[in-house]
């Protein structure tokens, strides 16, 4: 699982987008998922707020439904992670 490091001079919108693609790509079931995000303390609260807002926009649903951004997990083991 790959870390993503966000420093104070980062473009916050780009960092949040990269974090979400890195984590949610392939439903988070890839070995290169950015499942560890390290954010500098100076921008931590802003990053968390922006990231939470973006996560709330993601729609889970059937894989063939166009509005779905997150489909089913491969199996129960992945789901429980």
Protein backbone atom coordinates (compact mmCIF):
# COMPACT_ATOMS: atom_id res chain seq x y z
CA UNK A 1 0.00 0.00 0.00
CA UNK A 2 1.53 3.24 -1.15
CA UNK A 3 1.76 6.40 0.95
CA UNK A 4 0.66 9.80 -0.32
CA UNK A 5 2.43 12.76 1.27
CA UNK A 6 0.77 16.19 1.17
CA UNK A 7 2.93 19.18 2.12
CA UNK A 8 1.81 22.75 2.93
CA UNK A 9 2.66 24.11 -0.53
CA UNK A 10 0.49 21.52 -2.32
CA UNK A 11 -2.49 22.53 -4.42
CA UNK A 12 -5.19 21.33 -2.01
CA UNK A 13 -7.79 20.49 -4.68
CA UNK A 14 -5.24 18.51 -6.68
CA UNK A 15 -4.01 16.71 -3.55
CA UNK A 16 -7.55 15.71 -2.56
CA UNK A 17 -8.28 14.50 -6.09
CA UNK A 18 -5.05 12.48 -6.16
CA UNK A 19 -5.83 10.96 -2.78
CA UNK A 20 -9.30 9.88 -3.91
CA UNK A 21 -8.14 8.41 -7.20
CA UNK A 22 -5.28 6.70 -5.39
CA UNK A 23 -7.58 5.16 -2.83
CA UNK A 24 -10.78 4.50 -4.73
CA UNK A 25 -9.23 3.32 -8.02
CA UNK A 26 -10.43 -0.21 -8.62
CA UNK A 27 -12.55 0.06 -5.45
CA UNK A 28 -9.35 0.34 -3.41
CA UNK A 29 -8.50 -3.26 -4.22
CA UNK A 30 -5.14 -2.67 -5.88
CA UNK A 31 -1.76 -3.10 -4.24
CA UNK A 32 -0.74 0.45 -5.19
CA UNK A 33 -3.72 2.12 -3.51
CA UNK A 34 -2.83 5.27 -1.57
CA UNK A 35 -4.28 3.88 1.62
CA UNK A 36 -1.82 5.80 3.79
CA UNK A 37 -2.16 9.58 3.46
CA UNK A 38 0.27 11.75 5.39
CA UNK A 39 -0.81 15.40 5.54
CA UNK A 40 1.28 18.20 7.05
CA UNK A 41 -0.22 19.55 10.24
CA UNK A 42 -0.50 23.09 8.81
CA UNK A 43 -3.10 21.98 6.22
CA UNK A 44 -4.48 18.87 7.90
CA UNK A 45 -7.90 20.28 8.88
CA UNK A 46 -8.48 21.83 5.44
CA UNK A 47 -7.43 18.60 3.72
CA UNK A 48 -9.70 16.44 5.89
CA UNK A 49 -12.69 18.74 5.33
CA UNK A 50 -12.15 18.82 1.55
CA UNK A 51 -11.52 15.08 1.42
CA UNK A 52 -14.65 14.26 3.43
CA UNK A 53 -16.74 16.51 1.19
CA UNK A 54 -15.37 14.78 -1.91
CA UNK A 55 -16.00 11.32 -0.44
CA UNK A 56 -19.64 12.23 0.19
CA UNK A 57 -19.98 12.99 -3.54
CA UNK A 58 -18.94 9.44 -4.53
CA UNK A 59 -21.93 7.26 -5.32
CA UNK A 60 -21.74 3.54 -4.65
CA UNK A 61 -23.95 1.40 -6.82
CA UNK A 62 -24.20 -1.18 -9.57
CA UNK A 63 -21.13 -1.26 -11.79
CA UNK A 64 -23.07 -0.71 -15.00
CA UNK A 65 -25.03 2.30 -13.75
CA UNK A 66 -23.43 5.43 -15.21
CA UNK A 67 -23.79 7.48 -12.04
CA UNK A 68 -22.00 4.86 -9.92
CA UNK A 69 -18.44 5.75 -9.01
CA UNK A 70 -17.85 2.77 -6.73
CA UNK A 71 -19.01 -0.74 -7.55
CA UNK A 72 -19.03 -3.99 -5.68
CA UNK A 73 -16.07 -5.38 -3.78
CA UNK A 74 -14.55 -8.58 -5.15
CA UNK A 75 -15.49 -10.69 -2.14
CA UNK A 76 -16.38 -10.57 1.57
CA UNK A 77 -12.72 -10.50 2.61
CA UNK A 78 -12.16 -7.28 0.62
CA UNK A 79 -15.45 -5.86 1.89
CA UNK A 80 -14.44 -6.45 5.52
CA UNK A 81 -11.12 -4.62 5.07
